[in-house]
N, C-alpha and C. Protein backbone atom coordinates (compact mmCIF):
# COMPACT_ATOMS: atom_id res chain seq x y z
N UNK A 1 91.53 128.43 83.77
CA UNK A 1 92.25 128.07 84.97
C UNK A 1 92.75 126.64 84.81
N UNK A 2 93.97 126.42 85.21
CA UNK A 2 94.53 125.08 85.20
C UNK A 2 95.25 124.86 86.53
N UNK A 3 95.53 123.62 86.80
CA UNK A 3 96.20 123.26 88.05
C UNK A 3 97.59 122.70 87.74
N UNK A 4 98.58 123.15 88.47
CA UNK A 4 99.94 122.66 88.26
C UNK A 4 100.11 121.28 88.87
N UNK A 5 99.53 121.05 90.03
CA UNK A 5 99.66 119.75 90.71
C UNK A 5 98.26 119.25 91.11
N UNK A 6 97.49 118.74 90.15
CA UNK A 6 96.11 118.36 90.44
C UNK A 6 95.99 117.15 91.37
N UNK A 7 97.06 116.41 91.58
CA UNK A 7 96.99 115.25 92.48
C UNK A 7 96.69 115.66 93.91
N UNK A 8 97.02 116.90 94.25
CA UNK A 8 96.76 117.37 95.62
C UNK A 8 95.27 117.55 95.90
N UNK A 9 94.45 117.54 94.88
CA UNK A 9 93.01 117.65 95.10
C UNK A 9 92.46 116.43 95.84
N UNK A 10 93.20 115.34 95.82
CA UNK A 10 92.77 114.16 96.57
C UNK A 10 92.80 114.42 98.08
N UNK A 11 93.48 115.47 98.48
CA UNK A 11 93.50 115.85 99.89
C UNK A 11 92.11 116.26 100.37
N UNK A 12 91.24 116.64 99.47
CA UNK A 12 89.88 117.02 99.83
C UNK A 12 89.10 115.85 100.41
N UNK A 13 89.59 114.64 100.24
CA UNK A 13 88.93 113.47 100.83
C UNK A 13 88.99 113.51 102.36
N UNK A 14 89.88 114.32 102.91
CA UNK A 14 89.91 114.46 104.37
C UNK A 14 88.65 115.14 104.89
N UNK A 15 87.88 115.74 104.01
CA UNK A 15 86.59 116.29 104.40
C UNK A 15 85.65 115.21 104.90
N UNK A 16 85.77 114.02 104.35
CA UNK A 16 84.97 112.89 104.82
C UNK A 16 85.38 112.53 106.24
N UNK A 17 86.67 112.59 106.53
CA UNK A 17 87.15 112.31 107.88
C UNK A 17 86.58 113.33 108.88
N UNK A 18 86.50 114.58 108.48
CA UNK A 18 85.93 115.61 109.34
C UNK A 18 84.46 115.29 109.63
N UNK A 19 83.73 114.87 108.58
CA UNK A 19 82.32 114.51 108.79
C UNK A 19 82.17 113.31 109.72
N UNK A 20 83.04 112.31 109.57
CA UNK A 20 82.97 111.12 110.45
C UNK A 20 83.23 111.51 111.89
N UNK A 21 84.19 112.39 112.11
CA UNK A 21 84.47 112.82 113.48
C UNK A 21 83.31 113.59 114.08
N UNK A 22 82.60 114.35 113.28
CA UNK A 22 81.44 115.08 113.80
C UNK A 22 80.26 114.15 114.05
N UNK A 23 80.13 113.09 113.27
CA UNK A 23 79.05 112.13 113.49
C UNK A 23 79.30 111.35 114.77
N UNK A 24 80.54 111.00 115.03
CA UNK A 24 80.87 110.19 116.20
C UNK A 24 80.98 110.99 117.49
N UNK A 25 80.85 112.29 117.40
CA UNK A 25 80.98 113.14 118.58
C UNK A 25 79.89 112.80 119.59
N UNK A 26 80.30 112.64 120.82
CA UNK A 26 79.34 112.31 121.88
C UNK A 26 78.63 113.55 122.34
N UNK A 27 77.35 113.40 122.55
CA UNK A 27 76.55 114.52 123.04
C UNK A 27 76.11 114.21 124.46
N UNK A 28 76.24 115.17 125.33
CA UNK A 28 75.84 114.98 126.72
C UNK A 28 74.57 115.76 126.99
N UNK A 29 73.74 115.20 127.83
CA UNK A 29 72.51 115.86 128.22
C UNK A 29 72.09 115.37 129.59
N UNK A 30 71.33 116.17 130.29
CA UNK A 30 70.86 115.83 131.63
C UNK A 30 69.51 115.13 131.54
N UNK A 31 69.38 114.08 132.34
CA UNK A 31 68.11 113.37 132.42
C UNK A 31 67.68 113.41 133.88
N UNK A 32 66.56 114.06 134.18
CA UNK A 32 66.16 114.23 135.57
C UNK A 32 65.49 112.99 136.18
N UNK A 33 65.16 112.00 135.38
CA UNK A 33 64.44 110.85 135.91
C UNK A 33 64.94 109.55 135.29
N UNK A 34 64.91 108.47 136.05
CA UNK A 34 65.31 107.16 135.54
C UNK A 34 64.32 106.69 134.49
N UNK A 35 63.09 107.08 134.61
CA UNK A 35 62.06 106.71 133.63
C UNK A 35 62.45 107.20 132.24
N UNK A 36 63.01 108.38 132.16
CA UNK A 36 63.44 108.91 130.86
C UNK A 36 64.61 108.10 130.30
N UNK A 37 65.49 107.59 131.16
CA UNK A 37 66.59 106.75 130.70
C UNK A 37 66.06 105.49 130.04
N UNK A 38 65.03 104.89 130.65
CA UNK A 38 64.45 103.67 130.07
C UNK A 38 63.84 103.97 128.70
N UNK A 39 63.12 105.07 128.61
CA UNK A 39 62.51 105.46 127.35
C UNK A 39 63.57 105.76 126.30
N UNK A 40 64.60 106.45 126.69
CA UNK A 40 65.68 106.79 125.77
C UNK A 40 66.44 105.54 125.33
N UNK A 41 66.69 104.61 126.24
CA UNK A 41 67.42 103.39 125.91
C UNK A 41 66.69 102.52 124.92
N UNK A 42 65.38 102.38 125.05
CA UNK A 42 64.63 101.54 124.12
C UNK A 42 64.57 102.19 122.74
N UNK A 43 64.50 103.50 122.69
CA UNK A 43 64.44 104.20 121.41
C UNK A 43 65.82 104.22 120.74
N UNK A 44 66.88 104.29 121.53
CA UNK A 44 68.23 104.36 120.96
C UNK A 44 68.62 103.06 120.27
N UNK A 45 68.17 101.93 120.80
CA UNK A 45 68.50 100.65 120.18
C UNK A 45 67.76 100.45 118.87
N UNK A 46 66.55 100.98 118.77
CA UNK A 46 65.78 100.78 117.55
C UNK A 46 66.21 101.73 116.44
N UNK A 47 66.74 102.88 116.77
CA UNK A 47 67.10 103.87 115.75
C UNK A 47 68.60 104.06 115.63
N UNK A 48 69.38 103.01 115.46
CA UNK A 48 70.84 103.11 115.40
C UNK A 48 71.32 103.25 113.96
N UNK A 49 70.80 104.20 113.22
CA UNK A 49 71.31 104.43 111.88
C UNK A 49 72.16 105.70 111.90
N UNK A 50 73.01 105.81 110.92
CA UNK A 50 73.94 106.94 110.88
C UNK A 50 73.19 108.16 110.35
N UNK A 51 73.29 109.24 111.09
CA UNK A 51 72.68 110.50 110.68
C UNK A 51 73.78 111.53 110.46
N UNK A 52 73.60 112.34 109.46
CA UNK A 52 74.57 113.42 109.24
C UNK A 52 74.45 114.45 110.35
N UNK A 53 75.55 115.04 110.74
CA UNK A 53 75.48 116.06 111.79
C UNK A 53 74.77 117.31 111.30
N UNK A 54 74.16 117.99 112.23
CA UNK A 54 73.51 119.24 111.84
C UNK A 54 74.59 120.25 111.46
N UNK A 55 74.37 120.99 110.39
CA UNK A 55 75.41 121.94 109.96
C UNK A 55 75.57 123.07 110.98
N UNK A 56 76.74 123.15 111.54
CA UNK A 56 77.05 124.24 112.46
C UNK A 56 78.29 124.98 111.94
N UNK A 57 78.60 126.07 112.57
CA UNK A 57 79.68 126.93 112.08
C UNK A 57 81.04 126.23 112.13
N UNK A 58 81.29 125.47 113.19
CA UNK A 58 82.57 124.78 113.31
C UNK A 58 82.76 123.75 112.21
N UNK A 59 81.72 122.97 111.93
CA UNK A 59 81.80 121.97 110.87
C UNK A 59 82.03 122.63 109.51
N UNK A 60 81.30 123.68 109.23
CA UNK A 60 81.46 124.37 107.95
C UNK A 60 82.85 124.99 107.80
N UNK A 61 83.39 125.55 108.87
CA UNK A 61 84.74 126.12 108.81
C UNK A 61 85.79 125.05 108.58
N UNK A 62 85.64 123.90 109.24
CA UNK A 62 86.61 122.83 109.06
C UNK A 62 86.57 122.28 107.64
N UNK A 63 85.39 122.11 107.08
CA UNK A 63 85.28 121.64 105.70
C UNK A 63 85.84 122.67 104.72
N UNK A 64 85.62 123.94 105.01
CA UNK A 64 86.15 125.00 104.16
C UNK A 64 87.68 125.02 104.21
N UNK A 65 88.26 124.83 105.37
CA UNK A 65 89.72 124.81 105.51
C UNK A 65 90.31 123.64 104.74
N UNK A 66 89.69 122.47 104.83
CA UNK A 66 90.20 121.30 104.09
C UNK A 66 90.11 121.55 102.59
N UNK A 67 89.01 122.11 102.12
CA UNK A 67 88.85 122.36 100.68
C UNK A 67 89.84 123.42 100.19
N UNK A 68 90.03 124.48 100.96
CA UNK A 68 90.97 125.53 100.54
C UNK A 68 92.42 125.04 100.59
N UNK A 69 92.75 124.19 101.56
CA UNK A 69 94.11 123.65 101.61
C UNK A 69 94.38 122.76 100.40
N UNK A 70 93.41 121.94 100.03
CA UNK A 70 93.59 121.08 98.86
C UNK A 70 93.72 121.92 97.59
N UNK A 71 92.92 122.96 97.48
CA UNK A 71 93.01 123.82 96.30
C UNK A 71 94.32 124.59 96.26
N UNK A 72 94.79 125.05 97.41
CA UNK A 72 96.06 125.79 97.45
C UNK A 72 97.24 124.90 97.08
N UNK A 73 97.22 123.65 97.55
CA UNK A 73 98.32 122.75 97.21
C UNK A 73 98.27 122.30 95.76
N UNK A 74 97.10 122.37 95.12
CA UNK A 74 97.00 122.03 93.70
C UNK A 74 97.55 123.14 92.81
N UNK A 75 97.83 124.29 93.39
CA UNK A 75 98.45 125.43 92.72
C UNK A 75 97.72 125.84 91.44
N UNK A 76 96.56 126.48 91.60
CA UNK A 76 95.84 126.95 90.40
C UNK A 76 96.57 128.12 89.74
N UNK A 77 96.47 128.17 88.42
CA UNK A 77 97.09 129.24 87.64
C UNK A 77 96.00 129.86 86.78
N UNK A 78 95.85 131.17 86.89
CA UNK A 78 94.85 131.90 86.13
C UNK A 78 95.50 132.75 85.06
N UNK A 79 94.78 133.03 84.01
CA UNK A 79 95.25 133.97 83.00
C UNK A 79 96.14 133.35 81.94
N UNK A 80 96.93 134.20 81.28
CA UNK A 80 97.74 133.72 80.15
C UNK A 80 98.88 132.79 80.58
N UNK A 81 99.25 132.82 81.83
CA UNK A 81 100.31 131.92 82.29
C UNK A 81 99.82 130.52 82.58
N UNK A 82 98.57 130.25 82.20
CA UNK A 82 97.99 128.94 82.49
C UNK A 82 98.58 127.84 81.61
N UNK A 83 99.19 128.23 80.49
CA UNK A 83 99.82 127.23 79.64
C UNK A 83 101.15 126.81 80.25
N UNK A 84 101.48 125.58 80.05
CA UNK A 84 102.75 125.08 80.58
C UNK A 84 103.86 125.47 79.61
N UNK A 85 104.72 126.34 80.05
CA UNK A 85 105.84 126.80 79.24
C UNK A 85 107.10 126.17 79.83
N UNK A 86 107.77 125.42 79.01
CA UNK A 86 109.00 124.77 79.46
C UNK A 86 110.20 125.61 79.01
N UNK A 87 111.06 125.90 79.93
CA UNK A 87 112.26 126.65 79.60
C UNK A 87 113.46 125.75 79.86
N UNK A 88 114.39 125.81 78.96
CA UNK A 88 115.62 125.03 79.10
C UNK A 88 116.76 126.02 79.32
N UNK A 89 117.48 125.84 80.39
CA UNK A 89 118.60 126.70 80.71
C UNK A 89 119.86 125.83 80.63
N UNK A 90 120.79 126.25 79.80
CA UNK A 90 122.04 125.52 79.63
C UNK A 90 123.16 126.36 80.20
N UNK A 91 123.89 125.79 81.11
CA UNK A 91 125.06 126.48 81.68
C UNK A 91 126.33 125.80 81.16
N UNK A 92 127.23 126.59 80.67
CA UNK A 92 128.48 126.04 80.14
C UNK A 92 129.64 126.73 80.85
N UNK A 93 130.54 125.93 81.31
CA UNK A 93 131.66 126.49 82.03
C UNK A 93 132.82 126.79 81.13
């Protein structure tokens, strides 16, 4: 297998953008008591490190779409036509 336009594989870097958007996604939850807000606030300040999002179906589908789009634009060629054959066509009037 060879690729006709391998530069398009750099498009797969948009997968990182998808991951960043999933990490920054805001999560909402109900808190029935103010006491829990205080507990949550003190813990949130101490644990402010970046965590990868939990793998869910939407994230996996988006990463798959980005990878397949990059591969499709790179135009893979399978089989005996994988060699680059140059043809010269001369037209004379």
